[in-house]
Amino acid sequence: MINGYELKCAILSGANHIVRNKTLVDSLNIFPVPDGDTGTNMSMTISAAAKELEKSEDSSGIGAISHTVASAMLRGARGNSGVILSLLFRGFSKGLEGLEQATGADLCRALGLGVEAAYKAVMKPTEGTILTVARVAFEKGQAAAELDDDALQVWSAICQGADEALETTPELLPVLKKAGVVDAGGKGLCLIFEGMLSVFRDGIILESEQPESENVGGSSSSVHSAAEEFHRNVAAEFDQEITFTYCTEFIVGRDPEIPTDPQTDLRPFLENMGDCVVVVDDEEIIKVHVHTEDPGNALQKALTYGQLLTVKIENMKEQHRKAAESNQAAKEADAKAAPQPVIAEPVEDIGFVAVTAGEGLQSLFMDLGCSQVVSGGQTMNPSTEDILAAVLATPAKTVIVLPNNKNIIMAAEQTVPLAKDRKVVVLPTRTLPQGLSAMLAYDPEVSIERNTVIMVEAANSVATGQVTFAARDSEFGGHRIKEGDILGLKNGKLDIIEKDPVHTVVKLTRSMVNRTTSFVTLIYGKDITESQAQDAYNRIKSKVSGDIEITLVDGGQPVYYFIVSVE
């Protein structure tokens, strides 16, 4: 059986494990352009849960802990991989609701609910991704639970299934096979599951080894420090009466002359005198964790197996008293320091929220009628909570959200059930030109329903060109790409590889215009000078029909040297 304490430790361990390995996961991304990398998004999503667990005062029941985790992940979800991860743990929350402890079958059933929710959330589920890894892990766990309901055995099978599924992802997705990598999201999920297994199997929280200056999500303390704080103040983490006073941990060096099995002798002995018992052994040592009123008796029993190598005994009731006082003081200080979220009264009929980066583009969306602009985009995927805050700050009964990036759409969609006092409509704009075109098409004289149709049609009528740089060496779409190459993308697909951004945007724009083109908008980014932008404008104007109206805009956006809108 797994209790809330163990699940809490497991989530911290899983968070630490992917934080430590996020660069490895990021490196598996096969598309060469800089994006909201998978490892970063997944680590930030689960770290939101770790941060919430650090200050949680919920009861120790596994249902309550899983609810805290699911709620924090949902609000902290970033990118598609982060949203899918949050959906998997929302299934955990539903499957473990109301339970104090969970069997292996309970854990597996909860994971199954998460897998089902994740598949439903993706419009066109693709096998060979994190979805496959989660599904096969569930199926492997389900088979194990039918043979043995032990939680450790089932979770071990889940991890094994995830690892096996990860290895098959290149066979299911040819683009992975060609690049010689496994799926990044699937790898991230395996790392999280492995971190959780370390707690279930060994009682050990893996360390993040994350420097304090590189904290995930801008937290004032790293996930590792959260884990340390969790151990120091475990009693204060649970808002309930402490049954046993002493948290007792020790390691015994095994005497080879004593054949007694600690799992059938020492573990039952400790379970009769306390709770939260963890006994892990091999040929050389026995590691023990127990909450008890009589640590001396536990140590005396341990001595029948060999010499004590380490001993740690902490008074949890005293810790609880001190931690409760400290936590209360910290909460009062945080409440005074933290800015209060702005919640606007929904008095207007309709309002708009857009996601974009760059001062010029932000001003442009505001000029077109957006009440709020969320800073974000490529490489900077905002969380669901970030978008929700902007929705709530918009004084409208219906708020239309324009994500303007394919990797932000799912996070935006999670705000729909969270905004209780207003309706949220997410237009699936995948690029900034689509968002701008949708805003220009808005007609205040027609209904919201009709406007939704008009704006989607306008977004879909726009062709988008993007000029950026290769973030890594790769082979993609039959092209060998070197880090630093200038890439031209036409509607998200790699079209041109060059060395100069101005030359690339001229070549890209010429390939995009045709006899039906009326307007071209050239948006230049923060790494392009005004002189370069004017040069690009002049060269494009000289090479396309004089009937085409060309507009030059200083967007100030990062990542993309140029964004081209063709209508």
Protein backbone atom coordinates (compact mmCIF):
# COMPACT_ATOMS: atom_id res chain seq x y z
CA MET A 1 0.00 0.00 0.00
CA ILE A 2 1.18 3.54 -0.80
CA ASN A 3 0.17 6.40 1.49
CA GLY A 4 0.10 10.14 1.03
CA TYR A 5 3.54 10.65 2.54
CA GLU A 6 5.08 8.26 0.04
CA LEU A 7 3.26 9.78 -2.93
CA LYS A 8 4.35 13.24 -1.84
CA CYS A 9 7.98 12.11 -1.68
CA ALA A 10 7.55 10.35 -5.03
CA ILE A 11 6.32 13.50 -6.79
CA LEU A 12 9.26 15.48 -5.40
CA SER A 13 11.61 12.75 -6.58
CA GLY A 14 10.03 12.63 -10.04
CA ALA A 15 10.28 16.42 -10.31
CA ASN A 16 13.92 16.36 -9.27
CA HIS A 17 14.74 13.62 -11.76
CA ILE A 18 13.40 15.46 -14.80
CA VAL A 19 14.82 18.81 -13.63
CA ARG A 20 18.23 17.15 -13.48
CA ASN A 21 17.78 15.64 -16.95
CA LYS A 22 15.76 18.34 -18.72
CA THR A 23 18.66 19.28 -21.03
CA LEU A 24 18.88 15.65 -22.14
CA VAL A 25 15.16 15.62 -22.91
CA ASP A 26 15.37 18.98 -24.70
CA SER A 27 18.16 17.60 -26.90
CA LEU A 28 15.82 14.89 -28.23
CA ASN A 29 13.63 17.48 -29.99
CA ILE A 30 14.05 16.69 -33.67
CA PHE A 31 12.85 19.95 -35.18
CA PRO A 32 15.89 22.23 -35.46
CA VAL A 33 14.16 25.56 -34.76
CA PRO A 34 14.18 26.89 -31.20
CA ASP A 35 10.92 26.07 -29.45
CA GLY A 36 9.33 25.54 -26.04
CA ASP A 37 11.49 22.51 -25.37
CA THR A 38 9.83 19.40 -24.00
CA GLY A 39 12.12 18.80 -21.02
CA THR A 40 11.82 22.41 -19.91
CA ASN A 41 8.03 22.42 -20.23
CA MET A 42 7.57 19.10 -18.41
CA SER A 43 9.99 20.01 -15.63
CA MET A 44 8.25 23.37 -15.08
CA THR A 45 4.86 21.66 -15.03
CA ILE A 46 5.70 19.06 -12.38
CA SER A 47 7.81 21.57 -10.45
CA ALA A 48 4.63 23.62 -9.98
CA ALA A 49 3.27 20.60 -8.09
CA ALA A 50 6.49 20.19 -6.11
CA LYS A 51 6.34 23.83 -5.06
CA GLU A 52 2.72 23.44 -3.97
CA LEU A 53 3.55 20.29 -1.99
CA GLU A 54 6.29 22.20 -0.19
CA LYS A 55 3.73 24.50 1.42
CA SER A 56 0.79 22.07 1.47
CA GLU A 57 -1.04 21.51 4.71
CA ASP A 58 -3.42 18.86 3.39
CA SER A 59 -3.95 15.58 5.23
CA SER A 60 -1.67 12.66 4.57
CA GLY A 61 -4.31 10.74 2.62
CA ILE A 62 -3.15 9.78 -0.85
CA GLY A 63 -6.36 11.16 -2.34
CA ALA A 64 -5.75 14.61 -0.87
CA ILE A 65 -2.12 14.66 -1.96
CA SER A 66 -2.99 13.60 -5.52
CA HIS A 67 -5.63 16.35 -5.65
CA THR A 68 -3.02 18.98 -4.70
CA VAL A 69 -0.65 17.64 -7.35
CA ALA A 70 -3.30 17.61 -10.09
CA SER A 71 -4.52 21.12 -9.32
CA ALA A 72 -1.00 22.58 -9.29
CA MET A 73 0.02 20.79 -12.50
CA LEU A 74 -3.08 21.93 -14.33
CA ARG A 75 -2.39 25.57 -13.50
CA GLY A 76 1.34 25.25 -14.11
CA ALA A 77 1.06 23.27 -17.37
CA ARG A 78 3.30 24.61 -20.13
CA GLY A 79 3.35 23.44 -23.72
CA ASN A 80 1.58 20.40 -25.10
CA SER A 81 3.83 17.97 -23.24
CA GLY A 82 3.14 19.77 -19.95
CA VAL A 83 -0.62 19.72 -20.54
CA ILE A 84 -0.56 15.99 -21.32
CA LEU A 85 1.49 15.40 -18.18
CA SER A 86 -1.05 17.35 -16.13
CA LEU A 87 -3.88 15.29 -17.61
CA LEU A 88 -2.16 12.05 -16.62
CA PHE A 89 -1.96 13.24 -13.02
CA ARG A 90 -5.51 14.57 -13.10
CA GLY A 91 -6.48 10.97 -13.76
CA PHE A 92 -4.47 10.04 -10.68
CA SER A 93 -6.50 12.53 -8.68
CA LYS A 94 -9.81 11.11 -9.88
CA GLY A 95 -8.74 7.51 -9.41
CA LEU A 96 -7.39 8.04 -5.88
CA GLU A 97 -10.10 10.42 -4.70
CA GLY A 98 -11.12 9.82 -1.09
CA LEU A 99 -8.46 7.15 -0.43
CA GLU A 100 -6.04 7.18 2.49
CA GLN A 101 -3.81 4.53 0.92
CA ALA A 102 -3.62 2.89 -2.50
CA THR A 103 -2.93 -0.62 -3.73
CA GLY A 104 -1.13 -1.40 -6.94
CA ALA A 105 -4.48 -1.85 -8.66
CA ASP A 106 -5.60 1.58 -7.40
CA LEU A 107 -2.47 3.23 -8.81
CA CYS A 108 -2.85 1.49 -12.14
CA ARG A 109 -6.55 2.32 -12.45
CA ALA A 110 -5.78 5.98 -11.69
CA LEU A 111 -3.07 6.05 -14.36
CA GLY A 112 -5.56 4.52 -16.80
CA LEU A 113 -7.99 7.39 -16.21
CA GLY A 114 -5.18 9.83 -16.96
CA VAL A 115 -4.23 8.01 -20.17
CA GLU A 116 -7.86 8.10 -21.30
CA ALA A 117 -8.11 11.84 -20.59
CA ALA A 118 -4.85 12.57 -22.41
CA TYR A 119 -5.92 10.71 -25.55
CA LYS A 120 -9.27 12.51 -25.56
CA ALA A 121 -7.60 15.91 -25.18
CA VAL A 122 -5.45 15.51 -28.30
CA MET A 123 -7.40 16.14 -31.51
CA LYS A 124 -5.36 13.65 -33.56
CA PRO A 125 -3.48 11.33 -31.15
CA THR A 126 -0.17 10.21 -32.65
CA GLU A 127 1.41 6.93 -31.66
CA GLY A 128 5.13 7.03 -30.99
CA THR A 129 4.75 9.91 -28.55
CA ILE A 130 4.26 10.40 -24.81
CA LEU A 131 0.72 9.06 -25.31
CA THR A 132 2.06 5.67 -26.41
CA VAL A 133 4.50 5.53 -23.53
CA ALA A 134 1.75 6.30 -20.98
CA ARG A 135 -0.70 3.82 -22.53
CA VAL A 136 1.73 0.90 -22.69
CA ALA A 137 2.90 1.66 -19.14
CA PHE A 138 -0.72 1.43 -17.97
CA GLU A 139 -1.31 -1.83 -19.86
CA LYS A 140 1.85 -3.37 -18.39
CA GLY A 141 0.81 -2.27 -14.90
CA GLN A 142 -2.69 -3.63 -15.40
CA ALA A 143 -1.32 -7.06 -16.32
CA ALA A 144 0.95 -7.02 -13.27
CA ALA A 145 -1.90 -6.01 -10.94
CA GLU A 146 -3.92 -9.05 -12.02
CA LEU A 147 -1.09 -11.28 -10.80
CA ASP A 148 0.04 -9.34 -7.71
CA ASP A 149 -1.68 -6.31 -6.17
CA ASP A 150 1.51 -5.14 -4.45
CA ALA A 151 2.00 -1.44 -5.21
CA LEU A 152 5.75 -1.71 -5.69
CA GLN A 153 5.41 -4.61 -8.11
CA VAL A 154 2.77 -2.79 -10.13
CA TRP A 155 4.70 0.49 -10.30
CA SER A 156 7.85 -1.39 -11.29
CA ALA A 157 5.86 -2.95 -14.14
CA ILE A 158 4.55 0.49 -15.13
CA CYS A 159 8.12 1.80 -15.35
CA GLN A 160 9.22 -1.24 -17.33
CA GLY A 161 6.31 -0.79 -19.73
CA ALA A 162 7.15 2.89 -20.18
CA ASP A 163 10.80 2.10 -20.93
CA GLU A 164 9.85 -0.61 -23.42
CA ALA A 165 7.35 1.67 -25.15
CA LEU A 166 9.92 4.47 -25.35
CA GLU A 167 12.27 2.19 -27.28
CA THR A 168 9.54 1.50 -29.86
CA THR A 169 8.80 5.18 -30.58
CA PRO A 170 11.31 5.41 -33.49
CA GLU A 171 9.56 2.47 -35.16
CA LEU A 172 6.18 4.20 -34.85
CA LEU A 173 7.40 7.63 -35.98
CA PRO A 174 9.81 7.45 -38.96
CA VAL A 175 11.01 11.01 -38.33
CA LEU A 176 12.37 9.85 -34.95
CA LYS A 177 14.06 6.85 -36.52
CA LYS A 178 15.71 8.99 -39.15
CA ALA A 179 17.02 11.35 -36.48
CA GLY A 180 18.20 8.43 -34.35
CA VAL A 181 16.32 9.51 -31.21
CA VAL A 182 13.40 8.43 -29.05
CA ASP A 183 10.39 10.66 -28.33
CA ALA A 184 11.27 13.54 -26.00
CA GLY A 185 7.93 13.61 -24.15
CA GLY A 186 8.03 9.86 -23.64
CA LYS A 187 11.55 10.12 -22.24
CA GLY A 188 10.44 12.85 -19.85
CA LEU A 189 7.58 10.67 -18.58
CA CYS A 190 9.95 7.74 -18.05
CA LEU A 191 12.23 9.96 -15.96
CA ILE A 192 9.33 11.09 -13.77
CA PHE A 193 8.10 7.52 -13.27
CA GLU A 194 11.66 6.40 -12.42
CA GLY A 195 11.98 9.17 -9.84
CA MET A 196 8.73 8.03 -8.24
CA LEU A 197 9.90 4.39 -8.24
CA SER A 198 13.00 5.38 -6.27
CA VAL A 199 10.73 6.38 -3.38
CA PHE A 200 8.35 3.44 -3.64
CA ARG A 201 11.20 0.92 -3.87
CA ASP A 202 14.02 2.44 -1.82
CA GLY A 203 12.48 5.30 0.15
CA ILE A 204 14.95 7.68 -1.53
CA ILE A 205 14.11 11.06 -3.08
CA LEU A 206 16.40 11.59 -6.05
CA GLU A 207 18.25 14.91 -6.02
CA SER A 208 17.84 17.53 -8.71
CA GLU A 209 21.41 18.82 -8.64
CA GLN A 210 19.92 22.07 -9.92
CA PRO A 211 21.96 25.21 -9.13
CA GLU A 212 20.05 27.76 -7.11
CA SER A 213 20.55 30.36 -9.84
CA GLU A 214 18.70 28.14 -12.33
CA ASN A 215 15.54 27.44 -10.39
CA VAL A 216 12.68 26.17 -12.51
CA GLY A 217 9.70 28.43 -12.88
CA GLY A 218 11.25 31.35 -11.06
CA SER A 219 10.66 29.81 -7.63
CA SER A 220 12.57 31.28 -4.75
CA SER A 221 13.70 27.79 -3.79
CA SER A 222 14.72 24.90 -6.01
CA VAL A 223 12.88 21.62 -6.18
CA HIS A 224 15.82 20.09 -4.34
CA SER A 225 15.47 22.52 -1.46
CA ALA A 226 11.76 21.74 -1.45
CA ALA A 227 12.62 18.09 -0.95
CA GLU A 228 15.02 18.95 1.87
CA GLU A 229 12.40 21.13 3.52
CA PHE A 230 9.91 18.30 3.13
CA HIS A 231 12.18 15.94 5.04
CA ARG A 232 12.98 18.47 7.74
CA ASN A 233 9.40 19.41 8.38
CA VAL A 234 7.44 16.35 7.37
CA ALA A 235 5.12 16.67 10.33
CA ALA A 236 4.19 20.22 9.43
CA GLU A 237 3.30 19.17 5.90
CA PHE A 238 0.22 17.30 7.11
CA ASP A 239 -2.63 19.07 8.85
CA GLN A 240 -3.55 16.27 11.23
CA GLU A 241 -2.62 14.85 14.62
CA ILE A 242 0.72 13.04 14.69
CA THR A 243 0.16 9.47 15.88
CA PHE A 244 3.79 8.62 16.58
CA THR A 245 6.39 11.01 17.92
CA TYR A 246 9.71 9.83 16.56
CA CYS A 247 10.80 9.63 12.92
CA THR A 248 13.46 6.93 13.08
CA GLU A 249 15.86 6.10 10.27
CA PHE A 250 18.85 3.77 10.42
CA ILE A 251 21.07 1.51 8.36
CA VAL A 252 22.24 -1.89 9.60
CA GLY A 253 25.34 -3.64 8.28
CA ARG A 254 24.13 -7.21 7.81
CA ASP A 255 25.85 -10.04 9.66
CA PRO A 256 26.33 -12.80 7.05
CA GLU A 257 25.87 -15.40 9.81
CA ILE A 258 22.25 -14.30 10.40
CA PRO A 259 19.95 -15.74 7.69
CA THR A 260 16.68 -14.20 8.93
CA ASP A 261 14.74 -12.36 6.21
CA PRO A 262 14.07 -8.75 7.36
CA GLN A 263 11.00 -8.54 5.14
CA THR A 264 9.26 -11.36 7.00
CA ASP A 265 10.65 -10.59 10.45
CA LEU A 266 11.81 -6.98 10.91
CA ARG A 267 9.12 -5.33 8.76
CA PRO A 268 6.13 -6.97 10.61
CA PHE A 269 7.79 -6.13 13.93
CA LEU A 270 8.06 -2.45 13.00
CA GLU A 271 4.54 -2.33 11.53
CA ASN A 272 3.19 -3.50 14.89
CA MET A 273 4.90 -0.63 16.71
CA GLY A 274 4.52 2.26 14.26
CA ASP A 275 3.64 3.44 10.76
CA CYS A 276 5.24 4.76 7.55
CA VAL A 277 7.46 1.68 7.56
CA VAL A 278 10.04 1.31 4.79
CA VAL A 279 12.47 -1.63 4.89
CA VAL A 280 14.91 -2.01 1.99
CA ASP A 281 17.66 -4.62 2.05
CA ASP A 282 20.36 -6.30 -0.01
CA GLU A 283 23.21 -8.65 0.82
CA GLU A 284 25.16 -5.99 2.74
CA ILE A 285 22.78 -3.55 4.44
CA ILE A 286 19.23 -3.01 5.66
CA LYS A 287 17.80 0.51 5.40
CA VAL A 288 14.83 1.34 7.64
CA HIS A 289 12.37 4.21 8.07
CA VAL A 290 9.62 4.08 10.74
CA HIS A 291 7.47 6.43 12.83
CA THR A 292 7.22 5.06 16.37
CA GLU A 293 6.89 5.87 20.07
CA ASP A 294 9.80 3.58 20.97
CA PRO A 295 12.81 4.06 18.70
CA GLY A 296 15.01 2.22 21.19
CA ASN A 297 12.96 -0.93 20.74
CA ALA A 298 13.27 -0.62 16.95
CA LEU A 299 17.04 -0.22 17.21
CA GLN A 300 17.29 -3.16 19.60
CA LYS A 301 15.49 -5.37 17.11
CA ALA A 302 17.75 -4.10 14.32
CA LEU A 303 20.83 -5.15 16.27
CA THR A 304 19.79 -8.78 15.88
CA TYR A 305 20.76 -8.44 12.19
CA GLY A 306 24.16 -6.78 12.66
CA GLN A 307 25.81 -3.51 13.62
CA LEU A 308 24.14 -0.12 13.29
CA LEU A 309 25.95 2.01 10.69
CA THR A 310 23.85 5.18 10.88
CA VAL A 311 20.99 6.36 13.11
CA LYS A 312 18.76 9.45 12.84
CA ILE A 313 15.89 10.10 15.27
CA GLU A 314 13.76 13.25 15.07
CA ASN A 315 10.90 14.39 17.29
CA MET A 316 8.12 15.09 14.77
CA LYS A 317 5.77 16.71 17.27
CA GLU A 318 8.40 19.26 18.18
CA GLN A 319 9.21 19.73 14.49
CA HIS A 320 5.53 20.18 13.78
CA ARG A 321 5.17 22.88 16.43
CA LYS A 322 8.20 24.82 15.20
CA ALA A 323 7.38 24.34 11.53
CA ALA A 324 3.77 25.39 12.01
CA GLU A 325 4.94 28.60 13.65
CA SER A 326 7.47 29.19 10.87
CA ASN A 327 4.99 28.36 8.09
CA GLN A 328 2.41 30.72 9.55
CA ALA A 329 4.93 33.53 9.73
CA ALA A 330 6.05 32.84 6.17
CA LYS A 331 2.47 32.84 4.90
CA GLU A 332 1.74 36.15 6.56
CA ALA A 333 4.90 37.63 5.03
CA ASP A 334 4.06 36.23 1.58
CA ALA A 335 0.50 37.54 1.80
CA LYS A 336 1.83 41.03 2.47
CA ALA A 337 4.49 40.88 -0.25
CA ALA A 338 2.67 39.06 -3.05
CA PRO A 339 0.65 41.14 -5.50
CA GLN A 340 -3.02 40.22 -5.46
CA PRO A 341 -4.44 38.84 -8.71
CA VAL A 342 -6.62 41.23 -10.65
CA ILE A 343 -10.15 39.93 -11.23
CA ALA A 344 -12.20 42.29 -13.36
CA GLU A 345 -15.97 42.39 -13.12
CA PRO A 346 -17.36 40.88 -16.37
CA VAL A 347 -19.43 43.88 -17.47
CA GLU A 348 -18.71 43.99 -21.21
CA ASP A 349 -20.06 41.45 -23.68
CA ILE A 350 -16.75 40.44 -25.25
CA GLY A 351 -13.03 40.84 -24.61
CA PHE A 352 -9.81 39.51 -26.10
CA VAL A 353 -6.59 37.99 -24.76
CA ALA A 354 -3.60 37.38 -27.04
CA VAL A 355 -0.29 35.63 -26.44
CA THR A 356 2.73 37.24 -28.05
CA ALA A 357 6.29 38.41 -27.41
CA GLY A 358 7.94 41.67 -28.43
CA GLU A 359 6.86 45.19 -27.52
CA GLY A 360 5.82 46.05 -31.06
CA LEU A 361 3.54 43.03 -31.44
CA GLN A 362 2.12 43.47 -27.97
CA SER A 363 1.22 47.10 -28.78
CA LEU A 364 -0.26 46.01 -32.10
CA PHE A 365 -2.61 43.49 -30.47
CA MET A 366 -3.62 46.07 -27.86
CA ASP A 367 -4.35 48.59 -30.63
CA LEU A 368 -6.55 46.00 -32.33
CA GLY A 369 -8.68 45.64 -29.20
CA CYS A 370 -7.06 43.07 -26.90
CA SER A 371 -7.72 43.83 -23.23
CA GLN A 372 -4.78 41.73 -22.07
CA VAL A 373 -1.61 40.44 -23.73
CA VAL A 374 0.24 37.49 -22.20
CA SER A 375 3.98 37.62 -22.77
CA GLY A 376 5.09 34.40 -24.41
CA GLY A 377 5.43 32.41 -27.58
CA GLN A 378 8.17 30.27 -29.10
CA THR A 379 10.63 29.10 -26.39
CA MET A 380 8.52 30.95 -23.77
CA ASN A 381 5.29 28.98 -23.45
CA PRO A 382 3.10 30.61 -20.78
CA SER A 383 1.36 28.38 -18.25
CA THR A 384 -2.36 27.80 -18.01
CA GLU A 385 -2.31 29.94 -14.87
CA ASP A 386 -0.67 32.82 -16.76
CA ILE A 387 -3.39 32.74 -19.41
CA LEU A 388 -6.15 32.32 -16.81
CA ALA A 389 -4.91 35.42 -14.95
CA ALA A 390 -5.23 37.43 -18.17
CA VAL A 391 -8.73 36.03 -18.79
CA LEU A 392 -9.86 36.99 -15.29
CA ALA A 393 -8.37 40.47 -15.71
CA THR A 394 -10.47 41.00 -18.84
CA PRO A 395 -13.79 42.72 -17.94
CA ALA A 396 -15.96 40.66 -20.29
CA LYS A 397 -18.65 37.99 -20.09
CA THR A 398 -17.06 36.16 -23.02
CA VAL A 399 -13.27 36.20 -23.44
CA ILE A 400 -11.73 35.11 -26.73
CA VAL A 401 -8.17 33.83 -26.35
CA LEU A 402 -5.71 33.82 -29.25
CA PRO A 403 -2.73 31.54 -28.40
CA ASN A 404 -0.89 32.36 -31.67
CA ASN A 405 1.34 29.30 -31.29
CA LYS A 406 0.50 25.63 -31.79
CA ASN A 407 2.32 24.69 -28.57
CA ILE A 408 0.17 27.04 -26.47
CA ILE A 409 -3.30 26.05 -27.70
CA MET A 410 -3.74 23.14 -25.26
CA ALA A 411 -2.61 25.20 -22.27
CA ALA A 412 -5.11 27.91 -23.26
CA GLU A 413 -7.91 25.35 -23.58
CA GLN A 414 -7.40 24.29 -19.97
CA THR A 415 -8.62 27.73 -18.84
CA VAL A 416 -12.15 27.04 -20.13
CA PRO A 417 -13.37 25.08 -17.06
CA LEU A 418 -11.30 27.18 -14.65
CA ALA A 419 -12.96 30.53 -15.40
CA LYS A 420 -16.20 30.11 -13.43
CA ASP A 421 -17.73 33.56 -13.88
CA ARG A 422 -17.19 34.07 -17.62
CA LYS A 423 -17.14 32.09 -20.85
CA VAL A 424 -13.80 31.41 -22.50
CA VAL A 425 -13.48 30.71 -26.23
CA VAL A 426 -10.07 29.62 -27.53
CA LEU A 427 -9.46 30.35 -31.22
CA PRO A 428 -6.82 27.83 -32.37
CA THR A 429 -4.50 30.44 -33.94
CA ARG A 430 -1.17 28.73 -34.56
CA THR A 431 0.85 31.77 -35.68
CA LEU A 432 0.99 35.50 -34.98
CA PRO A 433 -0.25 36.45 -38.49
CA GLN A 434 -3.28 34.22 -37.90
CA GLY A 435 -3.96 36.04 -34.63
CA LEU A 436 -3.61 39.46 -36.21
CA SER A 437 -5.87 38.53 -39.11
CA ALA A 438 -8.49 37.14 -36.71
CA MET A 439 -8.51 40.39 -34.72
CA LEU A 440 -8.83 42.49 -37.89
CA ALA A 441 -11.83 40.39 -38.95
CA TYR A 442 -13.79 40.98 -35.72
CA ASP A 443 -17.14 42.65 -36.38
CA PRO A 444 -18.79 44.31 -33.32
CA GLU A 445 -22.13 44.39 -35.15
CA VAL A 446 -22.65 40.61 -35.23
CA SER A 447 -23.06 37.94 -32.55
CA ILE A 448 -20.22 36.28 -30.66
CA GLU A 449 -21.00 32.97 -32.36
CA ARG A 450 -20.84 34.55 -35.80
CA ASN A 451 -17.63 36.39 -34.91
CA THR A 452 -16.01 33.14 -33.88
CA VAL A 453 -16.69 31.70 -37.32
CA ILE A 454 -15.53 34.86 -39.11
CA MET A 455 -12.31 35.11 -37.09
CA VAL A 456 -11.40 31.43 -37.59
CA GLU A 457 -12.00 31.75 -41.34
CA ALA A 458 -9.80 34.85 -41.45
CA ALA A 459 -7.02 33.09 -39.53
CA ASN A 460 -7.12 30.12 -41.86
CA SER A 461 -6.86 32.33 -44.94
CA VAL A 462 -3.43 33.67 -43.95
CA ALA A 463 -0.13 32.14 -45.06
CA THR A 464 2.68 32.50 -42.52
CA GLY A 465 6.40 32.71 -43.18
CA GLN A 466 9.02 32.64 -40.43
CA VAL A 467 12.76 33.23 -40.53
CA THR A 468 14.73 31.89 -37.59
CA PHE A 469 17.97 30.06 -36.81
CA ALA A 470 18.88 26.41 -36.31
CA ALA A 471 19.23 25.76 -32.61
CA ARG A 472 21.10 22.49 -33.13
CA ASP A 473 22.78 20.31 -35.76
CA SER A 474 20.23 17.96 -37.28
CA GLU A 475 19.00 16.19 -40.37
CA PHE A 476 15.42 17.12 -41.15
CA GLY A 477 13.20 16.78 -44.21
CA GLY A 478 16.10 15.50 -46.27
CA HIS A 479 18.26 18.52 -45.33
CA ARG A 480 21.49 18.43 -43.34
CA ILE A 481 21.34 21.44 -41.01
CA LYS A 482 24.13 23.04 -39.00
CA GLU A 483 23.63 24.98 -35.80
CA GLY A 484 23.31 28.68 -36.67
CA ASP A 485 21.97 28.15 -40.19
CA ILE A 486 19.17 30.57 -41.16
CA LEU A 487 15.91 28.72 -41.75
CA GLY A 488 12.87 29.84 -43.71
CA LEU A 489 9.59 28.16 -42.73
CA LYS A 490 6.45 28.28 -44.85
CA ASN A 491 3.32 27.55 -42.79
CA GLY A 492 5.46 25.76 -40.24
CA LYS A 493 7.33 23.57 -42.72
CA LEU A 494 11.03 23.96 -43.43
CA ASP A 495 11.43 25.46 -46.91
CA ILE A 496 14.75 27.33 -47.13
CA ILE A 497 18.22 27.00 -45.57
CA GLU A 498 20.49 30.00 -46.01
CA LYS A 499 23.16 32.02 -44.20
CA ASP A 500 21.63 35.51 -44.18
CA PRO A 501 18.21 36.44 -42.67
CA VAL A 502 17.49 39.27 -45.15
CA HIS A 503 18.24 37.11 -48.18
CA THR A 504 16.14 34.32 -46.64
CA VAL A 505 13.06 36.48 -46.01
CA VAL A 506 13.16 37.91 -49.56
CA LYS A 507 13.41 34.43 -51.06
CA LEU A 508 10.71 33.08 -48.72
CA THR A 509 8.25 35.91 -49.40
CA ARG A 510 8.65 35.62 -53.18
CA SER A 511 7.80 31.90 -52.92
CA MET A 512 4.66 32.64 -50.91
CA VAL A 513 2.98 35.33 -53.03
CA ASN A 514 0.82 34.50 -56.04
CA ARG A 515 -1.74 36.16 -58.35
CA THR A 516 -4.36 36.26 -55.58
CA THR A 517 -2.10 37.96 -53.02
CA SER A 518 -3.25 41.44 -51.95
CA PHE A 519 -1.34 42.14 -48.73
CA VAL A 520 2.07 41.29 -47.29
CA THR A 521 3.00 42.28 -43.75
CA LEU A 522 6.70 42.05 -42.88
CA ILE A 523 7.30 41.96 -39.10
CA TYR A 524 10.93 42.23 -38.04
CA GLY A 525 12.34 41.07 -34.70
CA LYS A 526 14.63 42.45 -32.04
CA ASP A 527 17.79 41.02 -33.65
CA ILE A 528 17.18 42.82 -36.97
CA THR A 529 18.29 46.41 -37.35
CA GLU A 530 16.06 49.06 -38.89
CA SER A 531 18.48 49.25 -41.83
CA GLN A 532 18.24 45.48 -42.45
CA ALA A 533 14.44 45.61 -42.21
CA GLN A 534 14.27 48.47 -44.72
CA ASP A 535 16.60 46.58 -47.04
CA ALA A 536 14.34 43.51 -46.90
CA TYR A 537 11.26 45.67 -47.53
CA ASN A 538 12.82 47.38 -50.57
CA ARG A 539 14.04 44.12 -52.09
CA ILE A 540 10.66 42.41 -51.64
CA LYS A 541 8.82 45.42 -53.08
CA SER A 542 11.02 45.36 -56.16
CA LYS A 543 10.43 41.67 -56.80
CA VAL A 544 6.64 41.34 -56.38
CA SER A 545 3.67 42.81 -58.19
CA GLY A 546 3.05 46.52 -57.68
CA ASP A 547 -0.58 45.67 -56.87
CA ILE A 548 0.49 44.01 -53.63
CA GLU A 549 0.41 46.28 -50.58
CA ILE A 550 3.46 45.71 -48.34
CA THR A 551 3.59 46.90 -44.73
CA LEU A 552 6.72 46.92 -42.56
CA VAL A 553 6.20 46.49 -38.79
CA ASP A 554 8.74 46.62 -35.92
CA GLY A 555 7.52 43.63 -33.88
CA GLY A 556 10.49 43.38 -31.54
CA GLN A 557 9.90 39.63 -31.22
CA PRO A 558 12.64 37.25 -30.08
CA VAL A 559 13.61 33.99 -31.87
CA TYR A 560 12.21 35.02 -35.27
CA TYR A 561 14.24 37.47 -37.36
CA PHE A 562 11.18 37.99 -39.57
CA ILE A 563 7.54 36.92 -39.54
CA VAL A 564 5.71 37.28 -42.86
CA SER A 565 1.94 37.45 -43.27
CA VAL A 566 0.59 36.87 -46.79
CA GLU A 567 -3.11 37.44 -47.56
